[in-house]
Amino acid sequence: MSDPSESPEPLPIWFFVGVILLVYGLLLVASDFLYGVGSTVMASSRPCLWWGGVTALCGAVFLGIGLRTHAADKLGRKEEQS
């Protein structure tokens, strides 16, 4: 059993960076689909869609790194206790 006085392992900063990037990326992709192509010179290349996808992908990678780090820290802490 775990000790009630023991504080839980905090989430690493990579987790929160990943969440923010993922949300921003999804918002950019959604805005491209909702508002479509603008009237700028490079609008036909759909930069909002591309950068939203790249940002969401980076966010997912950082989220995975944060969760993996958190799980490894939690496992390491359990092994130290036993």
PDB file of N, CA and C in Angstrom:
ATOM      1  N   MET A   1       0.833  -1.180   0.000  1.00  0.00           N
ATOM      2  CA  MET A   1       0.000   0.000   0.000  1.00  0.00           C
ATOM      3  C   MET A   1       0.871   1.234   0.000  1.00  0.00           C
ATOM      4  N   SER A   2       0.342   2.281  -0.551  1.00  0.00           N
ATOM      5  CA  SER A   2       1.108   3.521  -0.590  1.00  0.00           C
ATOM      6  C   SER A   2       0.895   4.321   0.687  1.00  0.00           C
ATOM      7  N   ASP A   3       1.890   5.078   1.014  1.00  0.00           N
ATOM      8  CA  ASP A   3       1.861   5.914   2.208  1.00  0.00           C
ATOM      9  C   ASP A   3       1.002   7.147   1.931  1.00  0.00           C
ATOM     10  N   PRO A   4      -0.008   7.440   2.764  1.00  0.00           N
ATOM     11  CA  PRO A   4      -0.874   8.597   2.497  1.00  0.00           C
ATOM     12  C   PRO A   4      -0.137   9.929   2.613  1.00  0.00           C
ATOM     13  N   SER A   5       0.964   9.976   3.357  1.00  0.00           N
ATOM     14  CA  SER A   5       1.721  11.220   3.476  1.00  0.00           C
ATOM     15  C   SER A   5       2.591  11.484   2.253  1.00  0.00           C
ATOM     16  N   GLU A   6       2.738  10.483   1.394  1.00  0.00           N
ATOM     17  CA  GLU A   6       3.561  10.608   0.194  1.00  0.00           C
ATOM     18  C   GLU A   6       2.797  11.396  -0.871  1.00  0.00           C
ATOM     19  N   SER A   7       3.449  12.398  -1.439  1.00  0.00           N
ATOM     20  CA  SER A   7       2.790  13.198  -2.472  1.00  0.00           C
ATOM     21  C   SER A   7       2.883  12.477  -3.816  1.00  0.00           C
ATOM     22  N   PRO A   8       1.875  12.641  -4.675  1.00  0.00           N
ATOM     23  CA  PRO A   8       1.924  11.985  -5.985  1.00  0.00           C
ATOM     24  C   PRO A   8       3.000  12.597  -6.873  1.00  0.00           C
ATOM     25  N   GLU A   9       3.478  11.823  -7.799  1.00  0.00           N
ATOM     26  CA  GLU A   9       4.512  12.276  -8.729  1.00  0.00           C
ATOM     27  C   GLU A   9       3.919  13.326  -9.670  1.00  0.00           C
ATOM     28  N   PRO A  10       4.514  14.523  -9.750  1.00  0.00           N
ATOM     29  CA  PRO A  10       3.964  15.557 -10.640  1.00  0.00           C
ATOM     30  C   PRO A  10       4.230  15.221 -12.109  1.00  0.00           C
ATOM     31  N   LEU A  11       3.379  15.740 -12.969  1.00  0.00           N
ATOM     32  CA  LEU A  11       3.565  15.536 -14.399  1.00  0.00           C
ATOM     33  C   LEU A  11       4.706  16.417 -14.897  1.00  0.00           C
ATOM     34  N   PRO A  12       5.505  15.918 -15.838  1.00  0.00           N
ATOM     35  CA  PRO A  12       6.615  16.720 -16.359  1.00  0.00           C
ATOM     36  C   PRO A  12       6.106  17.855 -17.248  1.00  0.00           C
ATOM     37  N   ILE A  13       6.952  18.837 -17.473  1.00  0.00           N
ATOM     38  CA  ILE A  13       6.587  20.004 -18.279  1.00  0.00           C
ATOM     39  C   ILE A  13       6.288  19.608 -19.717  1.00  0.00           C
ATOM     40  N   TRP A  14       6.891  18.540 -20.217  1.00  0.00           N
ATOM     41  CA  TRP A  14       6.644  18.098 -21.590  1.00  0.00           C
ATOM     42  C   TRP A  14       5.190  17.743 -21.808  1.00  0.00           C
ATOM     43  N   PHE A  15       4.539  17.233 -20.778  1.00  0.00           N
ATOM     44  CA  PHE A  15       3.123  16.892 -20.885  1.00  0.00           C
ATOM     45  C   PHE A  15       2.294  18.143 -21.173  1.00  0.00           C
ATOM     46  N   PHE A  16       2.530  19.204 -20.422  1.00  0.00           N
ATOM     47  CA  PHE A  16       1.756  20.430 -20.579  1.00  0.00           C
ATOM     48  C   PHE A  16       2.086  21.148 -21.879  1.00  0.00           C
ATOM     49  N   VAL A  17       3.344  21.123 -22.290  1.00  0.00           N
ATOM     50  CA  VAL A  17       3.723  21.692 -23.579  1.00  0.00           C
ATOM     51  C   VAL A  17       3.020  20.928 -24.698  1.00  0.00           C
ATOM     52  N   GLY A  18       2.978  19.623 -24.582  1.00  0.00           N
ATOM     53  CA  GLY A  18       2.296  18.800 -25.582  1.00  0.00           C
ATOM     54  C   GLY A  18       0.809  19.085 -25.663  1.00  0.00           C
ATOM     55  N   VAL A  19       0.170  19.277 -24.524  1.00  0.00           N
ATOM     56  CA  VAL A  19      -1.263  19.584 -24.513  1.00  0.00           C
ATOM     57  C   VAL A  19      -1.522  20.923 -25.201  1.00  0.00           C
ATOM     58  N   ILE A  20      -0.715  21.921 -24.872  1.00  0.00           N
ATOM     59  CA  ILE A  20      -0.906  23.250 -25.467  1.00  0.00           C
ATOM     60  C   ILE A  20      -0.688  23.206 -26.973  1.00  0.00           C
ATOM     61  N   LEU A  21       0.392  22.566 -27.423  1.00  0.00           N
ATOM     62  CA  LEU A  21       0.660  22.487 -28.858  1.00  0.00           C
ATOM     63  C   LEU A  21      -0.420  21.698 -29.589  1.00  0.00           C
ATOM     64  N   LEU A  22      -0.889  20.629 -28.980  1.00  0.00           N
ATOM     65  CA  LEU A  22      -1.931  19.825 -29.608  1.00  0.00           C
ATOM     66  C   LEU A  22      -3.220  20.621 -29.752  1.00  0.00           C
ATOM     67  N   VAL A  23      -3.596  21.349 -28.729  1.00  0.00           N
ATOM     68  CA  VAL A  23      -4.820  22.159 -28.791  1.00  0.00           C
ATOM     69  C   VAL A  23      -4.679  23.262 -29.843  1.00  0.00           C
ATOM     70  N   TYR A  24      -3.541  23.965 -29.841  1.00  0.00           N
ATOM     71  CA  TYR A  24      -3.331  25.024 -30.839  1.00  0.00           C
ATOM     72  C   TYR A  24      -3.344  24.450 -32.257  1.00  0.00           C
ATOM     73  N   GLY A  25      -2.719  23.320 -32.446  1.00  0.00           N
ATOM     74  CA  GLY A  25      -2.695  22.701 -33.770  1.00  0.00           C
ATOM     75  C   GLY A  25      -4.080  22.309 -34.241  1.00  0.00           C
ATOM     76  N   LEU A  26      -4.869  21.729 -33.345  1.00  0.00           N
ATOM     77  CA  LEU A  26      -6.228  21.344 -33.716  1.00  0.00           C
ATOM     78  C   LEU A  26      -7.095  22.569 -34.004  1.00  0.00           C
ATOM     79  N   LEU A  27      -6.873  23.651 -33.261  1.00  0.00           N
ATOM     80  CA  LEU A  27      -7.612  24.888 -33.537  1.00  0.00           C
ATOM     81  C   LEU A  27      -7.245  25.462 -34.902  1.00  0.00           C
ATOM     82  N   LEU A  28      -5.964  25.398 -35.260  1.00  0.00           N
ATOM     83  CA  LEU A  28      -5.542  25.888 -36.576  1.00  0.00           C
ATOM     84  C   LEU A  28      -6.143  25.053 -37.704  1.00  0.00           C
ATOM     85  N   VAL A  29      -6.136  23.749 -37.552  1.00  0.00           N
ATOM     86  CA  VAL A  29      -6.711  22.877 -38.576  1.00  0.00           C
ATOM     87  C   VAL A  29      -8.211  23.127 -38.696  1.00  0.00           C
ATOM     88  N   ALA A  30      -8.893  23.248 -37.560  1.00  0.00           N
ATOM     89  CA  ALA A  30     -10.333  23.493 -37.579  1.00  0.00           C
ATOM     90  C   ALA A  30     -10.650  24.842 -38.218  1.00  0.00           C
ATOM     91  N   SER A  31      -9.838  25.852 -37.926  1.00  0.00           N
ATOM     92  CA  SER A  31     -10.098  27.171 -38.522  1.00  0.00           C
ATOM     93  C   SER A  31      -9.897  27.144 -40.031  1.00  0.00           C
ATOM     94  N   ASP A  32      -8.966  26.331 -40.509  1.00  0.00           N
ATOM     95  CA  ASP A  32      -8.767  26.225 -41.951  1.00  0.00           C
ATOM     96  C   ASP A  32      -9.986  25.592 -42.610  1.00  0.00           C
ATOM     97  N   PHE A  33     -10.557  24.576 -41.982  1.00  0.00           N
ATOM     98  CA  PHE A  33     -11.738  23.935 -42.554  1.00  0.00           C
ATOM     99  C   PHE A  33     -12.980  24.813 -42.437  1.00  0.00           C
ATOM    100  N   LEU A  34     -13.083  25.568 -41.354  1.00  0.00           N
ATOM    101  CA  LEU A  34     -14.264  26.411 -41.165  1.00  0.00           C
ATOM    102  C   LEU A  34     -14.248  27.650 -42.044  1.00  0.00           C
ATOM    103  N   TYR A  35     -13.103  28.322 -42.138  1.00  0.00           N
ATOM    104  CA  TYR A  35     -13.039  29.591 -42.844  1.00  0.00           C
ATOM    105  C   TYR A  35     -12.467  29.473 -44.246  1.00  0.00           C
ATOM    106  N   GLY A  36     -11.882  28.344 -44.567  1.00  0.00           N
ATOM    107  CA  GLY A  36     -11.414  28.091 -45.923  1.00  0.00           C
ATOM    108  C   GLY A  36     -10.234  28.933 -46.352  1.00  0.00           C
ATOM    109  N   VAL A  37     -10.073  29.019 -47.657  1.00  0.00           N
ATOM    110  CA  VAL A  37      -8.950  29.713 -48.264  1.00  0.00           C
ATOM    111  C   VAL A  37      -9.214  31.211 -48.242  1.00  0.00           C
ATOM    112  N   GLY A  38      -8.222  31.968 -47.777  1.00  0.00           N
ATOM    113  CA  GLY A  38      -8.344  33.426 -47.732  1.00  0.00           C
ATOM    114  C   GLY A  38      -7.981  34.056 -49.064  1.00  0.00           C
ATOM    115  N   SER A  39      -7.739  35.349 -49.036  1.00  0.00           N
ATOM    116  CA  SER A  39      -7.438  36.069 -50.274  1.00  0.00           C
ATOM    117  C   SER A  39      -5.978  36.526 -50.336  1.00  0.00           C
ATOM    118  N   THR A  40      -5.081  35.841 -49.647  1.00  0.00           N
ATOM    119  CA  THR A  40      -3.669  36.206 -49.698  1.00  0.00           C
ATOM    120  C   THR A  40      -2.994  35.525 -50.882  1.00  0.00           C
ATOM    121  N   VAL A  41      -1.742  35.891 -51.109  1.00  0.00           N
ATOM    122  CA  VAL A  41      -1.018  35.381 -52.277  1.00  0.00           C
ATOM    123  C   VAL A  41      -0.803  33.876 -52.186  1.00  0.00           C
ATOM    124  N   MET A  42      -0.415  33.394 -51.015  1.00  0.00           N
ATOM    125  CA  MET A  42      -0.098  31.971 -50.850  1.00  0.00           C
ATOM    126  C   MET A  42      -1.272  31.173 -50.252  1.00  0.00           C
ATOM    127  N   ALA A  43      -2.473  31.673 -50.361  1.00  0.00           N
ATOM    128  CA  ALA A  43      -3.625  31.016 -49.736  1.00  0.00           C
ATOM    129  C   ALA A  43      -3.902  29.639 -50.332  1.00  0.00           C
ATOM    130  N   SER A  44      -3.553  29.443 -51.586  1.00  0.00           N
ATOM    131  CA  SER A  44      -3.835  28.153 -52.213  1.00  0.00           C
ATOM    132  C   SER A  44      -3.004  27.024 -51.606  1.00  0.00           C
ATOM    133  N   SER A  45      -1.898  27.355 -50.929  1.00  0.00           N
ATOM    134  CA  SER A  45      -1.078  26.313 -50.293  1.00  0.00           C
ATOM    135  C   SER A  45      -1.620  25.913 -48.928  1.00  0.00           C
ATOM    136  N   ARG A  46      -2.636  26.641 -48.426  1.00  0.00           N
ATOM    137  CA  ARG A  46      -3.315  26.367 -47.152  1.00  0.00           C
ATOM    138  C   ARG A  46      -2.330  26.256 -45.982  1.00  0.00           C
ATOM    139  N   PRO A  47      -1.610  27.339 -45.677  1.00  0.00           N
ATOM    140  CA  PRO A  47      -0.608  27.306 -44.611  1.00  0.00           C
ATOM    141  C   PRO A  47      -1.207  27.010 -43.235  1.00  0.00           C
ATOM    142  N   CYS A  48      -2.437  27.416 -43.010  1.00  0.00           N
ATOM    143  CA  CYS A  48      -3.068  27.157 -41.712  1.00  0.00           C
ATOM    144  C   CYS A  48      -3.237  25.647 -41.498  1.00  0.00           C
ATOM    145  N   LEU A  49      -3.599  24.951 -42.549  1.00  0.00           N
ATOM    146  CA  LEU A  49      -3.754  23.500 -42.462  1.00  0.00           C
ATOM    147  C   LEU A  49      -2.408  22.822 -42.223  1.00  0.00           C
ATOM    148  N   TRP A  50      -1.374  23.236 -42.959  1.00  0.00           N
ATOM    149  CA  TRP A  50      -0.052  22.625 -42.811  1.00  0.00           C
ATOM    150  C   TRP A  50       0.549  22.893 -41.434  1.00  0.00           C
ATOM    151  N   TRP A  51       0.547  24.166 -41.010  1.00  0.00           N
ATOM    152  CA  TRP A  51       1.148  24.483 -39.717  1.00  0.00           C
ATOM    153  C   TRP A  51       0.323  23.926 -38.567  1.00  0.00           C
ATOM    154  N   GLY A  52      -0.982  23.851 -38.747  1.00  0.00           N
ATOM    155  CA  GLY A  52      -1.816  23.221 -37.725  1.00  0.00           C
ATOM    156  C   GLY A  52      -1.491  21.740 -37.586  1.00  0.00           C
ATOM    157  N   GLY A  53      -1.291  21.079 -38.713  1.00  0.00           N
ATOM    158  CA  GLY A  53      -0.930  19.664 -38.676  1.00  0.00           C
ATOM    159  C   GLY A  53       0.429  19.424 -38.046  1.00  0.00           C
ATOM    160  N   VAL A  54       1.402  20.270 -38.417  1.00  0.00           N
ATOM    161  CA  VAL A  54       2.749  20.147 -37.847  1.00  0.00           C
ATOM    162  C   VAL A  54       2.715  20.418 -36.336  1.00  0.00           C
ATOM    163  N   THR A  55       1.989  21.460 -35.942  1.00  0.00           N
ATOM    164  CA  THR A  55       1.895  21.801 -34.522  1.00  0.00           C
ATOM    165  C   THR A  55       1.195  20.697 -33.734  1.00  0.00           C
ATOM    166  N   ALA A  56       0.121  20.148 -34.289  1.00  0.00           N
ATOM    167  CA  ALA A  56      -0.588  19.061 -33.609  1.00  0.00           C
ATOM    168  C   ALA A  56       0.296  17.815 -33.502  1.00  0.00           C
ATOM    169  N   LEU A  57       1.056  17.531 -34.545  1.00  0.00           N
ATOM    170  CA  LEU A  57       1.962  16.381 -34.516  1.00  0.00           C
ATOM    171  C   LEU A  57       3.046  16.564 -33.454  1.00  0.00           C
ATOM    172  N   CYS A  58       3.631  17.753 -33.393  1.00  0.00           N
ATOM    173  CA  CYS A  58       4.637  18.031 -32.359  1.00  0.00           C
ATOM    174  C   CYS A  58       4.024  17.937 -30.966  1.00  0.00           C
ATOM    175  N   GLY A  59       2.808  18.423 -30.828  1.00  0.00           N
ATOM    176  CA  GLY A  59       2.120  18.323 -29.548  1.00  0.00           C
ATOM    177  C   GLY A  59       1.893  16.878 -29.134  1.00  0.00           C
ATOM    178  N   ALA A  60       1.512  16.045 -30.081  1.00  0.00           N
ATOM    179  CA  ALA A  60       1.309  14.629 -29.775  1.00  0.00           C
ATOM    180  C   ALA A  60       2.623  13.955 -29.367  1.00  0.00           C
ATOM    181  N   VAL A  61       3.711  14.333 -30.029  1.00  0.00           N
ATOM    182  CA  VAL A  61       5.022  13.768 -29.679  1.00  0.00           C
ATOM    183  C   VAL A  61       5.429  14.196 -28.273  1.00  0.00           C
ATOM    184  N   PHE A  62       5.286  15.490 -27.955  1.00  0.00           N
ATOM    185  CA  PHE A  62       5.633  15.979 -26.622  1.00  0.00           C
ATOM    186  C   PHE A  62       4.731  15.363 -25.555  1.00  0.00           C
ATOM    187  N   LEU A  63       3.463  15.178 -25.878  1.00  0.00           N
ATOM    188  CA  LEU A  63       2.536  14.539 -24.948  1.00  0.00           C
ATOM    189  C   LEU A  63       2.977  13.104 -24.663  1.00  0.00           C
ATOM    190  N   GLY A  64       3.382  12.390 -25.700  1.00  0.00           N
ATOM    191  CA  GLY A  64       3.882  11.028 -25.516  1.00  0.00           C
ATOM    192  C   GLY A  64       5.157  10.988 -24.686  1.00  0.00           C
ATOM    193  N   ILE A  65       6.058  11.932 -24.939  1.00  0.00           N
ATOM    194  CA  ILE A  65       7.292  12.005 -24.150  1.00  0.00           C
ATOM    195  C   ILE A  65       6.972  12.271 -22.688  1.00  0.00           C
ATOM    196  N   GLY A  66       6.049  13.191 -22.441  1.00  0.00           N
ATOM    197  CA  GLY A  66       5.677  13.516 -21.062  1.00  0.00           C
ATOM    198  C   GLY A  66       5.039  12.346 -20.340  1.00  0.00           C
ATOM    199  N   LEU A  67       4.144  11.638 -21.020  1.00  0.00           N
ATOM    200  CA  LEU A  67       3.496  10.492 -20.389  1.00  0.00           C
ATOM    201  C   LEU A  67       4.486   9.351 -20.156  1.00  0.00           C
ATOM    202  N   ARG A  68       5.386   9.142 -21.113  1.00  0.00           N
ATOM    203  CA  ARG A  68       6.388   8.082 -20.949  1.00  0.00           C
ATOM    204  C   ARG A  68       7.336   8.407 -19.799  1.00  0.00           C
ATOM    205  N   THR A  69       7.751   9.667 -19.688  1.00  0.00           N
ATOM    206  CA  THR A  69       8.628  10.090 -18.601  1.00  0.00           C
ATOM    207  C   THR A  69       7.935   9.941 -17.257  1.00  0.00           C
ATOM    208  N   HIS A  70       6.658  10.322 -17.220  1.00  0.00           N
ATOM    209  CA  HIS A  70       5.890  10.206 -15.978  1.00  0.00           C
ATOM    210  C   HIS A  70       5.765   8.739 -15.557  1.00  0.00           C
ATOM    211  N   ALA A  71       5.480   7.859 -16.521  1.00  0.00           N
ATOM    212  CA  ALA A  71       5.353   6.437 -16.207  1.00  0.00           C
ATOM    213  C   ALA A  71       6.687   5.852 -15.743  1.00  0.00           C
ATOM    214  N   ALA A  72       7.792   6.270 -16.371  1.00  0.00           N
ATOM    215  CA  ALA A  72       9.108   5.763 -15.982  1.00  0.00           C
ATOM    216  C   ALA A  72       9.475   6.253 -14.582  1.00  0.00           C
ATOM    217  N   ASP A  73       9.157   7.516 -14.265  1.00  0.00           N
ATOM    218  CA  ASP A  73       9.436   8.033 -12.925  1.00  0.00           C
ATOM    219  C   ASP A  73       8.610   7.314 -11.876  1.00  0.00           C
ATOM    220  N   LYS A  74       7.367   7.043 -12.207  1.00  0.00           N
ATOM    221  CA  LYS A  74       6.494   6.340 -11.258  1.00  0.00           C
ATOM    222  C   LYS A  74       6.983   4.921 -11.025  1.00  0.00           C
ATOM    223  N   LEU A  75       7.414   4.252 -12.091  1.00  0.00           N
ATOM    224  CA  LEU A  75       7.935   2.891 -11.965  1.00  0.00           C
ATOM    225  C   LEU A  75       9.231   2.889 -11.161  1.00  0.00           C
ATOM    226  N   GLY A  76      10.096   3.871 -11.418  1.00  0.00           N
ATOM    227  CA  GLY A  76      11.354   3.973 -10.669  1.00  0.00           C
ATOM    228  C   GLY A  76      11.120   4.223  -9.196  1.00  0.00           C
ATOM    229  N   ARG A  77      10.118   5.009  -8.889  1.00  0.00           N
ATOM    230  CA  ARG A  77       9.810   5.301  -7.479  1.00  0.00           C
ATOM    231  C   ARG A  77       9.274   4.049  -6.778  1.00  0.00           C
ATOM    232  N   LYS A  78       8.467   3.243  -7.499  1.00  0.00           N
ATOM    233  CA  LYS A  78       7.944   2.003  -6.908  1.00  0.00           C
ATOM    234  C   LYS A  78       9.069   1.010  -6.629  1.00  0.00           C
ATOM    235  N   GLU A  79      10.031   0.941  -7.556  1.00  0.00           N
ATOM    236  CA  GLU A  79      11.138  -0.001  -7.385  1.00  0.00           C
ATOM    237  C   GLU A  79      12.026   0.419  -6.221  1.00  0.00           C
ATOM    238  N   GLU A  80      12.167   1.726  -5.991  1.00  0.00           N
ATOM    239  CA  GLU A  80      12.964   2.198  -4.874  1.00  0.00           C
ATOM    240  C   GLU A  80      12.326   1.849  -3.537  1.00  0.00           C
ATOM    241  N   GLN A  81      10.999   1.861  -3.484  1.00  0.00           N
ATOM    242  CA  GLN A  81      10.294   1.577  -2.241  1.00  0.00           C
ATOM    243  C   GLN A  81      10.342   0.097  -1.875  1.00  0.00           C
ATOM    244  N   SER A  82      10.401  -0.773  -2.868  1.00  0.00           N
ATOM    245  CA  SER A  82      10.370  -2.205  -2.548  1.00  0.00           C
ATOM    246  C   SER A  82      11.739  -2.804  -2.361  1.00  0.00           C
TER     247      SER A  82
END
